[in-house]
Amino acid sequence: MKKILIFIAFFLLILPTKTFAWGEKGHELVAEIAFKQLNKKTRKLVLSYLDGMSIEQAANWMDDIKKDHSYDKLKSLHYVNFDKNTTVKDTCCDNIINTLTTVLKDLKHYKDFSKDEVKTKLCYLFHLIGDLHQPLHVGYASDKGGNSFQVNFNGKRTNLHGLFDYGIIENKGLSLKNCLKNKIYSDVELTELNSGSIVDWAKESRHFLNKIYATTNPVDEKYVELNYTLIKNQIQKAGLRLANILKSNFEE
């Protein structure tokens, strides 16, 4: 019996602890990239509304509360799935597109809300902007956004969604420095990057699915390198767009 318990404990230890969008590290990077673009006064104001919560904690709050079943109603807000060959659109349901669109509208009038309400809306914003740029969060309904698409990576079985959430990020040791040096945007390019709606950004993410599903099994190094670049690009975009939203609403 003792040997069985030891084996179970060991098995639990080797399991990945995070299986959510971008994993903890990816969401932290989105927040950190965004805050690098803000001036001191804007950072201070945003932090005052987070009320003691760090930007990294805010970025991961929606994943952390998944352990609390009283928040189960929020699970559908992390993603939106569409069948293949269908158009991405706002379905006005409890999903990532509708939620982010509503949050952006509310933050334009954030002074009309209580401090606690603004804090919650910021936590939604920090996290869901990251989720939206993980292409499998605008995925196919048939395989639950890649969650039931099985692959082998580094000798272990995982799914395509998990591979993008944390597998490649951990394998390549993605850091803030990597992301900040990834691409230098001109002012014109930044303006273009920040234009468009949440639906437009969702369509952009969805566009990468053909590339993501063109995987080998087991996953080879060429596939990892190709999609590591995609992941860096998407996390950087998410951070820059988050920064623009915060500037637009909180910069005085």
C-alpha atoms as a PDB file:
ATOM      1  CA  MET A   1       0.000   0.000   0.000  1.00  0.00           C
ATOM      2  CA  LYS A   2       2.827   2.380   0.901  1.00  0.00           C
ATOM      3  CA  LYS A   3       4.499   1.778  -2.483  1.00  0.00           C
ATOM      4  CA  ILE A   4       1.215   2.536  -4.273  1.00  0.00           C
ATOM      5  CA  LEU A   5       0.823   5.833  -2.401  1.00  0.00           C
ATOM      6  CA  ILE A   6       4.409   6.816  -3.216  1.00  0.00           C
ATOM      7  CA  PHE A   7       3.812   6.047  -6.890  1.00  0.00           C
ATOM      8  CA  ILE A   8       0.613   8.125  -6.935  1.00  0.00           C
ATOM      9  CA  ALA A   9       2.384  11.038  -5.283  1.00  0.00           C
ATOM     10  CA  PHE A  10       5.228  10.853  -7.805  1.00  0.00           C
ATOM     11  CA  PHE A  11       2.757  10.696 -10.694  1.00  0.00           C
ATOM     12  CA  LEU A  12       0.946  13.794  -9.468  1.00  0.00           C
ATOM     13  CA  LEU A  13       4.223  15.658  -9.149  1.00  0.00           C
ATOM     14  CA  ILE A  14       5.198  15.093 -12.768  1.00  0.00           C
ATOM     15  CA  LEU A  15       1.850  16.244 -14.115  1.00  0.00           C
ATOM     16  CA  PRO A  16       1.779  19.798 -15.499  1.00  0.00           C
ATOM     17  CA  THR A  17       0.303  22.126 -12.903  1.00  0.00           C
ATOM     18  CA  LYS A  18      -1.152  24.587 -15.399  1.00  0.00           C
ATOM     19  CA  THR A  19      -3.201  23.657 -18.424  1.00  0.00           C
ATOM     20  CA  PHE A  20      -4.832  27.000 -19.113  1.00  0.00           C
ATOM     21  CA  ALA A  21      -4.287  29.505 -21.902  1.00  0.00           C
ATOM     22  CA  TRP A  22      -0.639  30.498 -22.265  1.00  0.00           C
ATOM     23  CA  GLY A  23      -0.030  28.976 -18.843  1.00  0.00           C
ATOM     24  CA  GLU A  24       0.948  31.173 -15.919  1.00  0.00           C
ATOM     25  CA  LYS A  25       4.154  32.381 -17.583  1.00  0.00           C
ATOM     26  CA  GLY A  26       2.488  33.469 -20.806  1.00  0.00           C
ATOM     27  CA  HIS A  27      -0.135  35.547 -19.037  1.00  0.00           C
ATOM     28  CA  GLU A  28       2.504  37.179 -16.843  1.00  0.00           C
ATOM     29  CA  LEU A  29       4.449  38.159 -19.953  1.00  0.00           C
ATOM     30  CA  VAL A  30       1.401  39.819 -21.521  1.00  0.00           C
ATOM     31  CA  ALA A  31       0.926  41.966 -18.406  1.00  0.00           C
ATOM     32  CA  GLU A  32       4.629  42.805 -18.097  1.00  0.00           C
ATOM     33  CA  ILE A  33       4.927  43.820 -21.754  1.00  0.00           C
ATOM     34  CA  ALA A  34       1.901  46.084 -21.337  1.00  0.00           C
ATOM     35  CA  PHE A  35       3.222  47.783 -18.210  1.00  0.00           C
ATOM     36  CA  LYS A  36       6.560  48.494 -19.914  1.00  0.00           C
ATOM     37  CA  GLN A  37       4.652  50.769 -22.314  1.00  0.00           C
ATOM     38  CA  LEU A  38       2.874  52.838 -19.642  1.00  0.00           C
ATOM     39  CA  ASN A  39       4.091  55.965 -17.932  1.00  0.00           C
ATOM     40  CA  LYS A  40       4.572  56.019 -14.160  1.00  0.00           C
ATOM     41  CA  LYS A  41       1.327  57.859 -13.436  1.00  0.00           C
ATOM     42  CA  THR A  42      -0.788  55.427 -15.455  1.00  0.00           C
ATOM     43  CA  ARG A  43       0.857  52.404 -13.837  1.00  0.00           C
ATOM     44  CA  LYS A  44       0.153  53.855 -10.404  1.00  0.00           C
ATOM     45  CA  LEU A  45      -3.508  54.483 -11.223  1.00  0.00           C
ATOM     46  CA  VAL A  46      -4.050  50.980 -12.613  1.00  0.00           C
ATOM     47  CA  LEU A  47      -2.309  49.444  -9.589  1.00  0.00           C
ATOM     48  CA  SER A  48      -4.482  51.500  -7.254  1.00  0.00           C
ATOM     49  CA  TYR A  49      -7.558  49.863  -8.789  1.00  0.00           C
ATOM     50  CA  LEU A  50      -5.953  46.422  -8.520  1.00  0.00           C
ATOM     51  CA  ASP A  51      -5.834  47.220  -4.789  1.00  0.00           C
ATOM     52  CA  GLY A  52      -2.728  45.304  -3.713  1.00  0.00           C
ATOM     53  CA  MET A  53      -2.844  42.719  -6.501  1.00  0.00           C
ATOM     54  CA  SER A  54       0.203  42.595  -8.777  1.00  0.00           C
ATOM     55  CA  ILE A  55      -0.200  42.746 -12.543  1.00  0.00           C
ATOM     56  CA  GLU A  56       0.973  39.119 -12.724  1.00  0.00           C
ATOM     57  CA  GLN A  57      -1.698  38.063 -10.233  1.00  0.00           C
ATOM     58  CA  ALA A  58      -4.322  40.033 -12.137  1.00  0.00           C
ATOM     59  CA  ALA A  59      -3.315  38.356 -15.389  1.00  0.00           C
ATOM     60  CA  ASN A  60      -3.756  34.880 -13.879  1.00  0.00           C
ATOM     61  CA  TRP A  61      -6.741  35.522 -11.610  1.00  0.00           C
ATOM     62  CA  MET A  62      -9.290  34.010 -13.994  1.00  0.00           C
ATOM     63  CA  ASP A  63      -7.300  30.774 -14.135  1.00  0.00           C
ATOM     64  CA  ASP A  64      -6.558  30.689 -10.417  1.00  0.00           C
ATOM     65  CA  ILE A  65     -10.239  30.875  -9.464  1.00  0.00           C
ATOM     66  CA  LYS A  66     -11.050  27.781 -11.516  1.00  0.00           C
ATOM     67  CA  LYS A  67     -10.312  25.832  -8.336  1.00  0.00           C
ATOM     68  CA  ASP A  68     -13.325  27.528  -6.727  1.00  0.00           C
ATOM     69  CA  HIS A  69     -16.532  26.038  -8.147  1.00  0.00           C
ATOM     70  CA  SER A  70     -18.509  29.122  -7.177  1.00  0.00           C
ATOM     71  CA  TYR A  71     -16.850  30.708 -10.237  1.00  0.00           C
ATOM     72  CA  ASP A  72     -17.769  27.906 -12.655  1.00  0.00           C
ATOM     73  CA  LYS A  73     -20.033  30.271 -14.590  1.00  0.00           C
ATOM     74  CA  LEU A  74     -16.910  32.128 -15.764  1.00  0.00           C
ATOM     75  CA  LYS A  75     -15.332  29.117 -17.505  1.00  0.00           C
ATOM     76  CA  SER A  76     -17.024  29.805 -20.846  1.00  0.00           C
ATOM     77  CA  LEU A  77     -15.605  33.340 -20.904  1.00  0.00           C
ATOM     78  CA  HIS A  78     -12.081  32.135 -21.744  1.00  0.00           C
ATOM     79  CA  TYR A  79     -12.796  31.038 -25.315  1.00  0.00           C
ATOM     80  CA  VAL A  80     -15.187  30.799 -28.223  1.00  0.00           C
ATOM     81  CA  ASN A  81     -15.352  27.817 -30.586  1.00  0.00           C
ATOM     82  CA  PHE A  82     -16.699  27.774 -34.114  1.00  0.00           C
ATOM     83  CA  ASP A  83     -17.055  24.934 -36.594  1.00  0.00           C
ATOM     84  CA  LYS A  84     -14.487  24.786 -39.385  1.00  0.00           C
ATOM     85  CA  ASN A  85     -15.176  27.019 -42.379  1.00  0.00           C
ATOM     86  CA  THR A  86     -17.533  29.258 -40.416  1.00  0.00           C
ATOM     87  CA  THR A  87     -17.208  32.977 -39.780  1.00  0.00           C
ATOM     88  CA  VAL A  88     -15.941  34.341 -36.485  1.00  0.00           C
ATOM     89  CA  LYS A  89     -18.531  36.725 -35.066  1.00  0.00           C
ATOM     90  CA  ASP A  90     -19.917  38.061 -31.813  1.00  0.00           C
ATOM     91  CA  THR A  91     -22.621  35.567 -30.869  1.00  0.00           C
ATOM     92  CA  CYS A  92     -23.765  37.644 -27.865  1.00  0.00           C
ATOM     93  CA  CYS A  93     -23.258  34.638 -25.604  1.00  0.00           C
ATOM     94  CA  ASP A  94     -21.056  34.156 -22.554  1.00  0.00           C
ATOM     95  CA  ASN A  95     -17.767  33.850 -24.420  1.00  0.00           C
ATOM     96  CA  ILE A  96     -14.468  35.681 -24.797  1.00  0.00           C
ATOM     97  CA  ILE A  97     -15.533  37.973 -27.643  1.00  0.00           C
ATOM     98  CA  ASN A  98     -18.692  39.223 -25.985  1.00  0.00           C
ATOM     99  CA  THR A  99     -17.034  39.572 -22.572  1.00  0.00           C
ATOM    100  CA  LEU A 100     -14.031  41.548 -23.814  1.00  0.00           C
ATOM    101  CA  THR A 101     -16.228  43.801 -25.941  1.00  0.00           C
ATOM    102  CA  THR A 102     -18.349  44.585 -22.877  1.00  0.00           C
ATOM    103  CA  VAL A 103     -15.310  45.165 -20.645  1.00  0.00           C
ATOM    104  CA  LEU A 104     -13.815  47.624 -23.134  1.00  0.00           C
ATOM    105  CA  LYS A 105     -17.089  49.576 -23.241  1.00  0.00           C
ATOM    106  CA  ASP A 106     -17.314  49.649 -19.442  1.00  0.00           C
ATOM    107  CA  LEU A 107     -13.723  50.781 -18.919  1.00  0.00           C
ATOM    108  CA  LYS A 108     -14.367  53.880 -21.022  1.00  0.00           C
ATOM    109  CA  HIS A 109     -16.610  54.935 -18.133  1.00  0.00           C
ATOM    110  CA  TYR A 110     -14.702  53.263 -15.305  1.00  0.00           C
ATOM    111  CA  LYS A 111     -15.364  56.158 -12.915  1.00  0.00           C
ATOM    112  CA  ASP A 112     -19.055  55.196 -12.956  1.00  0.00           C
ATOM    113  CA  PHE A 113     -18.224  51.852 -11.317  1.00  0.00           C
ATOM    114  CA  SER A 114     -17.099  50.964  -7.813  1.00  0.00           C
ATOM    115  CA  LYS A 115     -13.433  50.267  -7.156  1.00  0.00           C
ATOM    116  CA  ASP A 116     -14.145  46.541  -6.720  1.00  0.00           C
ATOM    117  CA  GLU A 117     -16.033  46.459 -10.023  1.00  0.00           C
ATOM    118  CA  VAL A 118     -13.150  48.151 -11.835  1.00  0.00           C
ATOM    119  CA  LYS A 119     -10.716  45.681 -10.270  1.00  0.00           C
ATOM    120  CA  THR A 120     -12.746  42.738 -11.573  1.00  0.00           C
ATOM    121  CA  LYS A 121     -13.025  44.270 -15.027  1.00  0.00           C
ATOM    122  CA  LEU A 122      -9.248  44.823 -15.107  1.00  0.00           C
ATOM    123  CA  CYS A 123      -8.665  41.180 -14.139  1.00  0.00           C
ATOM    124  CA  TYR A 124     -10.945  40.130 -16.992  1.00  0.00           C
ATOM    125  CA  LEU A 125      -9.097  42.444 -19.375  1.00  0.00           C
ATOM    126  CA  PHE A 126      -5.576  41.379 -18.374  1.00  0.00           C
ATOM    127  CA  HIS A 127      -6.395  37.702 -18.722  1.00  0.00           C
ATOM    128  CA  LEU A 128      -8.760  37.572 -21.672  1.00  0.00           C
ATOM    129  CA  ILE A 129      -6.585  39.714 -23.933  1.00  0.00           C
ATOM    130  CA  GLY A 130      -3.972  37.006 -23.447  1.00  0.00           C
ATOM    131  CA  ASP A 131      -6.484  34.234 -24.100  1.00  0.00           C
ATOM    132  CA  LEU A 132      -7.751  35.907 -27.280  1.00  0.00           C
ATOM    133  CA  HIS A 133      -4.248  35.819 -28.764  1.00  0.00           C
ATOM    134  CA  GLN A 134      -3.859  32.094 -28.127  1.00  0.00           C
ATOM    135  CA  PRO A 135      -5.330  30.926 -31.463  1.00  0.00           C
ATOM    136  CA  LEU A 136      -6.864  27.755 -30.024  1.00  0.00           C
ATOM    137  CA  HIS A 137      -9.125  29.932 -27.875  1.00  0.00           C
ATOM    138  CA  VAL A 138     -10.894  30.817 -31.100  1.00  0.00           C
ATOM    139  CA  GLY A 139     -10.773  27.201 -32.108  1.00  0.00           C
ATOM    140  CA  TYR A 140     -12.835  24.400 -33.609  1.00  0.00           C
ATOM    141  CA  ALA A 141     -15.854  23.124 -31.735  1.00  0.00           C
ATOM    142  CA  SER A 142     -15.171  19.594 -33.033  1.00  0.00           C
ATOM    143  CA  ASP A 143     -12.074  19.075 -30.845  1.00  0.00           C
ATOM    144  CA  LYS A 144     -12.832  21.650 -28.121  1.00  0.00           C
ATOM    145  CA  GLY A 145     -10.181  24.083 -29.271  1.00  0.00           C
ATOM    146  CA  GLY A 146      -7.490  21.414 -29.618  1.00  0.00           C
ATOM    147  CA  ASN A 147      -8.111  19.911 -26.178  1.00  0.00           C
ATOM    148  CA  SER A 148      -9.015  16.517 -27.647  1.00  0.00           C
ATOM    149  CA  PHE A 149      -6.348  16.616 -30.385  1.00  0.00           C
ATOM    150  CA  GLN A 150      -3.639  14.344 -28.997  1.00  0.00           C
ATOM    151  CA  VAL A 151       0.080  14.746 -29.743  1.00  0.00           C
ATOM    152  CA  ASN A 152       3.360  13.484 -28.337  1.00  0.00           C
ATOM    153  CA  PHE A 153       5.937  16.035 -27.266  1.00  0.00           C
ATOM    154  CA  ASN A 154       9.294  15.296 -25.650  1.00  0.00           C
ATOM    155  CA  GLY A 155       8.272  11.707 -25.029  1.00  0.00           C
ATOM    156  CA  LYS A 156       5.047  12.645 -23.259  1.00  0.00           C
ATOM    157  CA  ARG A 157       1.450  12.602 -24.357  1.00  0.00           C
ATOM    158  CA  THR A 158      -0.356  15.940 -24.346  1.00  0.00           C
ATOM    159  CA  ASN A 159      -2.921  17.751 -26.459  1.00  0.00           C
ATOM    160  CA  LEU A 160      -2.502  20.506 -28.997  1.00  0.00           C
ATOM    161  CA  HIS A 161      -4.048  23.095 -26.710  1.00  0.00           C
ATOM    162  CA  GLY A 162      -1.677  22.258 -23.872  1.00  0.00           C
ATOM    163  CA  LEU A 163       1.277  22.297 -26.248  1.00  0.00           C
ATOM    164  CA  PHE A 164       0.540  25.954 -26.984  1.00  0.00           C
ATOM    165  CA  ASP A 165      -0.525  26.931 -23.479  1.00  0.00           C
ATOM    166  CA  TYR A 166       2.701  25.912 -21.800  1.00  0.00           C
ATOM    167  CA  GLY A 167       4.565  23.118 -23.644  1.00  0.00           C
ATOM    168  CA  ILE A 168       6.494  25.171 -26.182  1.00  0.00           C
ATOM    169  CA  ILE A 169       6.843  28.155 -23.822  1.00  0.00           C
ATOM    170  CA  GLU A 170       8.481  26.001 -21.150  1.00  0.00           C
ATOM    171  CA  ASN A 171      10.585  24.071 -23.654  1.00  0.00           C
ATOM    172  CA  LYS A 172      12.056  27.260 -25.152  1.00  0.00           C
ATOM    173  CA  GLY A 173      12.316  29.180 -21.870  1.00  0.00           C
ATOM    174  CA  LEU A 174      10.369  32.167 -23.180  1.00  0.00           C
ATOM    175  CA  SER A 175      11.217  35.327 -21.238  1.00  0.00           C
ATOM    176  CA  LEU A 176      10.249  38.995 -21.141  1.00  0.00           C
ATOM    177  CA  LYS A 177      13.548  39.842 -22.822  1.00  0.00           C
ATOM    178  CA  ASN A 178      12.714  37.485 -25.723  1.00  0.00           C
ATOM    179  CA  CYS A 179       9.344  39.127 -26.203  1.00  0.00           C
ATOM    180  CA  LEU A 180      10.537  42.723 -25.980  1.00  0.00           C
ATOM    181  CA  LYS A 181      13.254  42.063 -28.560  1.00  0.00           C
ATOM    182  CA  ASN A 182      10.933  40.055 -30.783  1.00  0.00           C
ATOM    183  CA  LYS A 183       9.822  42.843 -33.149  1.00  0.00           C
ATOM    184  CA  ILE A 184      10.216  46.601 -33.056  1.00  0.00           C
ATOM    185  CA  TYR A 185       7.000  48.284 -34.184  1.00  0.00           C
ATOM    186  CA  SER A 186       7.028  51.720 -35.805  1.00  0.00           C
ATOM    187  CA  ASP A 187       4.389  54.255 -34.752  1.00  0.00           C
ATOM    188  CA  VAL A 188       2.466  53.538 -37.933  1.00  0.00           C
ATOM    189  CA  GLU A 189       2.589  49.786 -37.318  1.00  0.00           C
ATOM    190  CA  LEU A 190       1.445  50.249 -33.709  1.00  0.00           C
ATOM    191  CA  THR A 191      -1.518  52.323 -34.858  1.00  0.00           C
ATOM    192  CA  GLU A 192      -2.473  49.595 -37.296  1.00  0.00           C
ATOM    193  CA  LEU A 193      -1.916  46.888 -34.652  1.00  0.00           C
ATOM    194  CA  ASN A 194      -4.268  48.612 -32.226  1.00  0.00           C
ATOM    195  CA  SER A 195      -6.985  49.291 -34.753  1.00  0.00           C
ATOM    196  CA  GLY A 196      -9.979  47.036 -35.206  1.00  0.00           C
ATOM    197  CA  SER A 197     -12.423  45.395 -32.838  1.00  0.00           C
ATOM    198  CA  ILE A 198     -12.262  42.360 -30.572  1.00  0.00           C
ATOM    199  CA  VAL A 199     -13.932  40.391 -33.367  1.00  0.00           C
ATOM    200  CA  ASP A 200     -11.176  41.491 -35.763  1.00  0.00           C
ATOM    201  CA  TRP A 201      -8.495  40.341 -33.321  1.00  0.00           C
ATOM    202  CA  ALA A 202     -10.304  37.024 -32.861  1.00  0.00           C
ATOM    203  CA  LYS A 203     -10.364  36.525 -36.636  1.00  0.00           C
ATOM    204  CA  GLU A 204      -6.643  37.263 -36.739  1.00  0.00           C
ATOM    205  CA  SER A 205      -5.949  34.573 -34.128  1.00  0.00           C
ATOM    206  CA  ARG A 206      -8.197  32.084 -35.922  1.00  0.00           C
ATOM    207  CA  HIS A 207      -6.202  32.653 -39.104  1.00  0.00           C
ATOM    208  CA  PHE A 208      -3.235  30.767 -37.593  1.00  0.00           C
ATOM    209  CA  LEU A 209      -5.096  27.495 -36.977  1.00  0.00           C
ATOM    210  CA  ASN A 210      -4.111  25.827 -40.274  1.00  0.00           C
ATOM    211  CA  LYS A 211      -0.474  26.403 -39.402  1.00  0.00           C
ATOM    212  CA  ILE A 212      -0.964  25.085 -35.863  1.00  0.00           C
ATOM    213  CA  TYR A 213      -2.751  21.918 -36.967  1.00  0.00           C
ATOM    214  CA  ALA A 214      -0.005  21.102 -39.491  1.00  0.00           C
ATOM    215  CA  THR A 215       1.806  19.192 -36.760  1.00  0.00           C
ATOM    216  CA  THR A 216       3.937  16.101 -36.859  1.00  0.00           C
ATOM    217  CA  ASN A 217       3.439  13.358 -34.299  1.00  0.00           C
ATOM    218  CA  PRO A 218       5.636  13.178 -32.382  1.00  0.00           C
ATOM    219  CA  VAL A 219       6.144  16.936 -32.562  1.00  0.00           C
ATOM    220  CA  ASP A 220       9.491  17.705 -34.217  1.00  0.00           C
ATOM    221  CA  GLU A 221      11.927  20.583 -33.685  1.00  0.00           C
ATOM    222  CA  LYS A 222      11.014  22.326 -36.938  1.00  0.00           C
ATOM    223  CA  TYR A 223       7.383  22.562 -35.800  1.00  0.00           C
ATOM    224  CA  VAL A 224       8.462  23.826 -32.363  1.00  0.00           C
ATOM    225  CA  GLU A 225      10.695  26.551 -33.818  1.00  0.00           C
ATOM    226  CA  LEU A 226       8.042  27.699 -36.291  1.00  0.00           C
ATOM    227  CA  ASN A 227       5.357  27.967 -33.656  1.00  0.00           C
ATOM    228  CA  TYR A 228       7.668  29.406 -31.007  1.00  0.00           C
ATOM    229  CA  THR A 229       7.939  32.434 -33.292  1.00  0.00           C
ATOM    230  CA  LEU A 230       4.144  32.519 -33.596  1.00  0.00           C
ATOM    231  CA  ILE A 231       3.740  32.343 -29.811  1.00  0.00           C
ATOM    232  CA  LYS A 232       6.241  35.189 -29.248  1.00  0.00           C
ATOM    233  CA  ASN A 233       4.423  37.303 -31.820  1.00  0.00           C
ATOM    234  CA  GLN A 234       1.021  36.655 -30.279  1.00  0.00           C
ATOM    235  CA  ILE A 235       2.109  37.322 -26.695  1.00  0.00           C
ATOM    236  CA  GLN A 236       3.832  40.526 -27.779  1.00  0.00           C
ATOM    237  CA  LYS A 237       0.729  41.663 -29.685  1.00  0.00           C
ATOM    238  CA  ALA A 238      -1.466  40.916 -26.683  1.00  0.00           C
ATOM    239  CA  GLY A 239       0.815  42.967 -24.427  1.00  0.00           C
ATOM    240  CA  LEU A 240       0.957  45.939 -26.783  1.00  0.00           C
ATOM    241  CA  ARG A 241      -2.798  45.923 -27.313  1.00  0.00           C
ATOM    242  CA  LEU A 242      -3.389  45.666 -23.570  1.00  0.00           C
ATOM    243  CA  ALA A 243      -1.079  48.651 -23.093  1.00  0.00           C
ATOM    244  CA  ASN A 244      -3.023  50.699 -25.628  1.00  0.00           C
ATOM    245  CA  ILE A 245      -6.325  49.903 -23.918  1.00  0.00           C
ATOM    246  CA  LEU A 246      -4.920  50.919 -20.525  1.00  0.00           C
ATOM    247  CA  LYS A 247      -3.462  54.124 -21.964  1.00  0.00           C
ATOM    248  CA  SER A 248      -6.729  54.999 -23.708  1.00  0.00           C
ATOM    249  CA  ASN A 249      -8.715  54.686 -20.500  1.00  0.00           C
ATOM    250  CA  PHE A 250      -6.374  55.495 -17.596  1.00  0.00           C
ATOM    251  CA  GLU A 251      -3.722  57.849 -18.957  1.00  0.00           C
ATOM    252  CA  GLU A 252      -4.408  61.435 -17.880  1.00  0.00           C
END
